N, C-alpha and C. Protein backbone atom coordinates (compact mmCIF):
# COMPACT_ATOMS: atom_id res chain seq x y z
N MET A 1 -82.14 28.04 -104.16
CA MET A 1 -80.98 27.95 -104.28
C MET A 1 -81.24 28.54 -105.60
N THR A 2 -79.25 29.56 -104.75
CA THR A 2 -79.35 29.92 -106.94
C THR A 2 -77.69 29.28 -106.80
N ILE A 3 -77.39 29.39 -107.94
CA ILE A 3 -75.67 28.99 -108.58
C ILE A 3 -75.52 30.42 -109.79
N VAL A 4 -74.92 31.44 -108.88
CA VAL A 4 -74.75 32.56 -109.98
C VAL A 4 -72.69 31.75 -110.37
N HIS A 5 -73.13 32.11 -112.36
CA HIS A 5 -71.84 31.86 -113.11
C HIS A 5 -70.89 32.77 -113.40
N VAL A 6 -70.15 33.56 -112.96
CA VAL A 6 -69.19 34.37 -112.81
C VAL A 6 -68.12 34.67 -113.36
N LYS A 7 -67.79 34.72 -114.74
CA LYS A 7 -66.13 35.08 -116.07
C LYS A 7 -65.47 36.59 -115.76
N VAL A 8 -64.57 36.33 -114.56
CA VAL A 8 -64.45 37.47 -114.71
C VAL A 8 -62.68 38.33 -115.08
N LYS A 9 -62.51 39.13 -116.02
CA LYS A 9 -61.62 39.16 -116.60
C LYS A 9 -59.98 39.34 -116.00
N GLN A 10 -59.08 39.08 -115.62
CA GLN A 10 -58.17 37.68 -116.14
C GLN A 10 -57.38 39.13 -115.10
N GLU A 11 -57.13 40.45 -115.76
CA GLU A 11 -56.46 41.40 -114.74
C GLU A 11 -57.43 42.16 -113.96
N TYR A 12 -58.70 42.11 -113.20
CA TYR A 12 -58.89 41.66 -112.06
C TYR A 12 -59.24 40.37 -111.24
N LEU A 13 -58.38 39.31 -111.23
CA LEU A 13 -59.20 38.15 -110.63
C LEU A 13 -59.33 37.81 -108.68
N HIS A 14 -57.71 39.04 -108.74
CA HIS A 14 -57.28 38.98 -107.29
C HIS A 14 -58.60 39.86 -106.57
N GLU A 15 -58.43 41.08 -107.33
CA GLU A 15 -59.81 41.71 -106.83
C GLU A 15 -60.93 41.40 -106.33
N PHE A 16 -61.57 40.89 -107.94
CA PHE A 16 -63.11 39.61 -107.75
C PHE A 16 -62.39 38.72 -106.30
N ILE A 17 -61.92 37.87 -105.79
CA ILE A 17 -61.64 37.63 -105.17
C ILE A 17 -61.70 37.77 -103.68
N ARG A 18 -60.82 39.39 -103.56
CA ARG A 18 -61.09 39.70 -102.52
C ARG A 18 -62.40 40.54 -102.21
N ALA A 19 -63.39 41.01 -103.35
CA ALA A 19 -64.61 41.50 -102.75
C ALA A 19 -65.65 40.19 -102.22
N THR A 20 -64.91 39.46 -103.72
CA THR A 20 -66.28 38.55 -102.86
C THR A 20 -66.00 37.87 -101.36
N VAL A 21 -64.71 37.56 -101.25
CA VAL A 21 -64.24 37.03 -99.92
C VAL A 21 -65.27 38.03 -99.07
N ILE A 22 -65.93 39.58 -99.58
CA ILE A 22 -66.24 40.26 -97.79
C ILE A 22 -66.94 39.53 -97.54
N ASN A 23 -68.38 39.58 -99.33
CA ASN A 23 -69.78 39.41 -99.89
C ASN A 23 -69.67 37.64 -99.04
N HIS A 24 -68.71 37.13 -99.10
CA HIS A 24 -69.59 35.72 -98.98
C HIS A 24 -69.70 35.07 -97.07
N GLU A 25 -68.25 36.22 -96.67
CA GLU A 25 -67.84 37.02 -94.94
C GLU A 25 -69.64 37.14 -94.46
N LEU A 26 -69.57 38.15 -94.99
CA LEU A 26 -70.94 38.53 -93.89
C LEU A 26 -71.81 38.42 -94.24
N SER A 27 -72.74 37.72 -95.75
CA SER A 27 -73.13 37.16 -96.39
C SER A 27 -73.96 35.63 -96.09
N VAL A 28 -72.74 34.87 -95.00
CA VAL A 28 -73.43 33.71 -94.46
C VAL A 28 -73.79 34.22 -92.80
N LYS A 29 -73.84 35.40 -92.59
CA LYS A 29 -74.23 35.63 -91.05
C LYS A 29 -75.16 36.61 -91.11
N GLU A 30 -75.91 36.85 -92.59
CA GLU A 30 -77.53 36.52 -92.78
C GLU A 30 -79.08 35.85 -92.52
N PRO A 31 -79.55 36.42 -91.60
CA PRO A 31 -80.97 35.59 -91.29
C PRO A 31 -81.46 34.88 -92.63
N GLY A 32 -81.58 32.72 -92.18
CA GLY A 32 -82.03 32.97 -93.03
C GLY A 32 -81.50 31.93 -93.56
N ASN A 33 -79.92 32.54 -93.63
CA ASN A 33 -79.06 31.94 -94.82
C ASN A 33 -77.98 30.53 -94.69
N LEU A 34 -78.15 29.53 -95.96
CA LEU A 34 -77.60 27.90 -95.17
C LEU A 34 -76.46 27.99 -95.27
N ARG A 35 -76.16 28.38 -96.50
CA ARG A 35 -74.98 28.42 -97.18
C ARG A 35 -74.38 29.08 -98.43
N PHE A 36 -73.61 29.68 -98.19
CA PHE A 36 -72.99 30.63 -99.59
C PHE A 36 -71.48 29.94 -99.34
N ASP A 37 -71.80 29.87 -100.40
CA ASP A 37 -70.05 28.95 -101.55
C ASP A 37 -69.86 29.82 -102.34
N VAL A 38 -68.45 30.12 -102.00
CA VAL A 38 -67.14 29.87 -104.07
C VAL A 38 -66.74 29.46 -103.94
N LEU A 39 -66.68 29.38 -105.20
CA LEU A 39 -65.74 28.26 -105.95
C LEU A 39 -65.20 28.62 -107.62
N GLN A 40 -64.01 28.54 -107.68
CA GLN A 40 -63.46 28.60 -108.76
C GLN A 40 -62.73 26.92 -109.63
N ASN A 41 -63.74 27.81 -110.77
CA ASN A 41 -62.76 26.58 -111.23
C ASN A 41 -61.74 26.30 -111.61
N GLU A 42 -61.13 24.61 -111.63
CA GLU A 42 -59.61 24.84 -111.40
C GLU A 42 -59.39 24.49 -113.18
N ASP A 43 -59.97 24.37 -114.08
CA ASP A 43 -59.64 24.77 -115.43
C ASP A 43 -58.99 25.58 -115.77
N ASP A 44 -60.16 26.91 -115.36
CA ASP A 44 -60.24 28.24 -115.77
C ASP A 44 -60.67 29.28 -114.79
N PRO A 45 -59.38 29.44 -114.23
CA PRO A 45 -59.50 30.27 -113.10
C PRO A 45 -60.40 31.63 -112.73
N THR A 46 -60.34 32.32 -114.07
CA THR A 46 -61.28 33.28 -113.83
C THR A 46 -62.84 32.90 -114.59
N ARG A 47 -63.54 31.89 -113.66
CA ARG A 47 -64.76 31.05 -113.45
C ARG A 47 -64.66 30.50 -111.89
N PHE A 48 -65.84 31.39 -112.03
CA PHE A 48 -66.17 30.37 -110.45
C PHE A 48 -68.21 30.86 -110.27
N ALA A 49 -68.19 29.92 -109.45
CA ALA A 49 -69.96 29.87 -109.72
C ALA A 49 -69.63 30.04 -107.17
N LEU A 50 -71.35 31.12 -107.48
CA LEU A 50 -71.24 30.97 -106.20
C LEU A 50 -72.87 30.46 -106.28
N TYR A 51 -72.68 29.36 -104.36
CA TYR A 51 -73.90 28.36 -104.55
C TYR A 51 -74.97 29.19 -103.55
N GLU A 52 -75.67 29.95 -103.29
CA GLU A 52 -76.11 30.27 -102.59
C GLU A 52 -78.00 29.36 -101.94
N ALA A 53 -77.91 29.26 -100.45
CA ALA A 53 -78.79 28.64 -100.36
C ALA A 53 -79.36 29.00 -98.89
N TYR A 54 -81.27 29.41 -99.44
CA TYR A 54 -81.46 30.57 -98.43
C TYR A 54 -82.71 29.21 -98.08
N GLU A 55 -83.54 29.93 -96.50
CA GLU A 55 -84.09 28.85 -95.71
C GLU A 55 -85.77 29.62 -96.71
N ASP A 56 -85.95 30.50 -97.80
CA ASP A 56 -86.64 31.11 -98.29
C ASP A 56 -86.84 31.87 -99.58
N GLU A 57 -87.50 32.48 -99.94
CA GLU A 57 -87.47 33.58 -100.78
C GLU A 57 -87.53 34.78 -99.85
N ALA A 58 -87.79 34.44 -99.16
CA ALA A 58 -88.07 36.03 -98.06
C ALA A 58 -86.64 36.62 -98.05
N ALA A 59 -86.12 35.42 -97.30
CA ALA A 59 -83.54 35.50 -96.99
C ALA A 59 -83.20 35.99 -98.01
N ALA A 60 -83.34 35.04 -99.32
CA ALA A 60 -82.73 35.44 -100.90
C ALA A 60 -83.19 36.91 -101.32
N ALA A 61 -84.76 37.25 -101.13
CA ALA A 61 -84.80 38.41 -101.16
C ALA A 61 -84.13 39.95 -100.36
N ALA A 62 -84.43 38.80 -99.04
CA ALA A 62 -83.70 40.68 -98.12
C ALA A 62 -81.76 40.14 -98.56
N HIS A 63 -81.62 39.46 -98.88
CA HIS A 63 -79.83 39.45 -99.22
C HIS A 63 -79.84 40.20 -100.29
N LYS A 64 -80.18 40.19 -101.49
CA LYS A 64 -80.40 41.55 -102.81
C LYS A 64 -80.27 42.70 -101.89
N LYS A 65 -81.13 43.18 -101.13
CA LYS A 65 -80.98 44.28 -100.78
C LYS A 65 -80.45 44.00 -99.38
N THR A 66 -79.04 44.32 -98.47
CA THR A 66 -77.81 44.64 -98.04
C THR A 66 -77.29 45.17 -98.62
N PRO A 67 -76.41 45.83 -97.69
CA PRO A 67 -75.37 46.43 -98.13
C PRO A 67 -74.42 46.44 -99.31
N HIS A 68 -73.63 45.03 -98.67
CA HIS A 68 -72.28 44.46 -98.37
C HIS A 68 -72.89 43.72 -100.48
N TYR A 69 -74.14 43.30 -100.38
CA TYR A 69 -74.58 42.90 -101.72
C TYR A 69 -74.46 43.98 -102.14
N LEU A 70 -75.22 44.95 -102.44
CA LEU A 70 -75.90 46.02 -103.23
C LEU A 70 -73.95 46.30 -104.17
N THR A 71 -73.28 46.63 -102.42
CA THR A 71 -71.68 47.32 -103.14
C THR A 71 -71.50 46.04 -103.73
N TRP A 72 -71.17 44.58 -103.26
CA TRP A 72 -70.54 43.99 -104.42
C TRP A 72 -70.79 43.75 -105.43
N LYS A 73 -72.45 44.68 -106.01
CA LYS A 73 -72.53 44.18 -107.06
C LYS A 73 -71.70 45.04 -108.29
N GLU A 74 -71.42 46.05 -107.07
CA GLU A 74 -71.65 47.37 -107.64
C GLU A 74 -70.09 47.20 -108.49
N THR A 75 -69.57 46.77 -106.89
CA THR A 75 -68.10 46.90 -107.42
C THR A 75 -67.12 45.70 -108.62
N VAL A 76 -67.54 44.96 -108.33
CA VAL A 76 -67.21 44.17 -109.39
C VAL A 76 -67.71 43.78 -110.64
N ALA A 77 -68.62 44.34 -111.14
CA ALA A 77 -69.61 44.76 -112.10
C ALA A 77 -69.19 45.27 -113.83
N PRO A 78 -67.59 46.34 -114.09
CA PRO A 78 -67.16 46.28 -114.01
C PRO A 78 -65.46 45.41 -114.55
N TRP A 79 -65.35 44.30 -113.52
CA TRP A 79 -64.75 42.67 -113.34
C TRP A 79 -64.89 42.14 -114.11
N MET A 80 -65.89 41.42 -114.82
CA MET A 80 -66.97 41.27 -115.27
C MET A 80 -65.97 40.40 -117.27
N ALA A 81 -66.34 39.94 -117.29
CA ALA A 81 -65.61 39.80 -118.80
C ALA A 81 -67.05 39.36 -119.55
N GLU A 82 -68.17 38.42 -118.70
CA GLU A 82 -69.57 38.56 -119.61
C GLU A 82 -70.47 38.72 -118.02
N PRO A 83 -72.07 38.95 -118.70
CA PRO A 83 -72.99 39.05 -117.35
C PRO A 83 -72.88 38.15 -116.44
N ARG A 84 -73.09 37.98 -115.90
CA ARG A 84 -73.34 36.58 -114.04
C ARG A 84 -74.40 36.20 -114.80
N GLU A 85 -74.21 34.90 -114.58
CA GLU A 85 -75.88 34.77 -114.56
C GLU A 85 -76.44 33.41 -113.41
N GLY A 86 -77.12 34.30 -113.20
CA GLY A 86 -77.78 32.89 -111.97
C GLY A 86 -79.15 32.41 -112.14
N VAL A 87 -78.45 30.84 -112.17
CA VAL A 87 -79.35 30.09 -112.43
C VAL A 87 -80.05 29.20 -110.78
N SER A 88 -81.79 29.39 -110.71
CA SER A 88 -82.56 29.09 -109.46
C SER A 88 -82.39 28.09 -109.42
N TYR A 89 -82.57 27.46 -108.19
CA TYR A 89 -82.69 25.79 -108.38
C TYR A 89 -83.49 25.05 -107.50
N GLN A 90 -84.03 24.13 -107.27
CA GLN A 90 -85.16 23.48 -106.20
C GLN A 90 -84.24 22.86 -105.13
N GLY A 91 -84.19 22.59 -104.18
CA GLY A 91 -83.31 22.03 -103.23
C GLY A 91 -84.02 20.52 -103.09
N LEU A 92 -83.18 19.63 -103.25
CA LEU A 92 -83.84 17.71 -102.60
C LEU A 92 -83.68 18.15 -101.68
N MET A 93 -82.38 17.30 -101.88
CA MET A 93 -81.42 16.79 -101.11
C MET A 93 -80.08 17.57 -100.02
N PRO A 94 -79.87 17.94 -99.62
CA PRO A 94 -80.53 17.08 -98.19
C PRO A 94 -81.31 18.42 -97.68
N LEU A 95 -82.69 17.78 -97.03
CA LEU A 95 -83.91 18.80 -97.21
C LEU A 95 -83.45 19.39 -95.56
N PHE A 96 -83.55 20.43 -96.22
CA PHE A 96 -83.47 21.94 -95.69
C PHE A 96 -84.17 22.15 -94.43
N SER A 97 -85.50 22.42 -94.83
CA SER A 97 -87.04 22.70 -94.16
C SER A 97 -87.70 21.29 -94.50
N ALA A 98 -88.51 21.46 -93.00
CA ALA A 98 -90.20 20.24 -94.09
C ALA A 98 -91.63 20.82 -94.71
């Protein structure tokens, strides 16, 4: 699992959301995708967390090679107020695989 933290420039807030919705809609259809949540901070609407869960490392790596991810990454890069940060986690509960 990865949680990607993003801080967006205020003037690009709506564009970022639109681009991220497209990325979400295509990411959840990928083989091996278990979750792809887009979260917006209630106190600071320019802060987002993307919660990504894949069956295994291969599926997560494949995501980063998809056209929709590469388009999203290139499109939103100039809209970020600071570099995005992806933090990897090991899922304990619920158990996604045995």
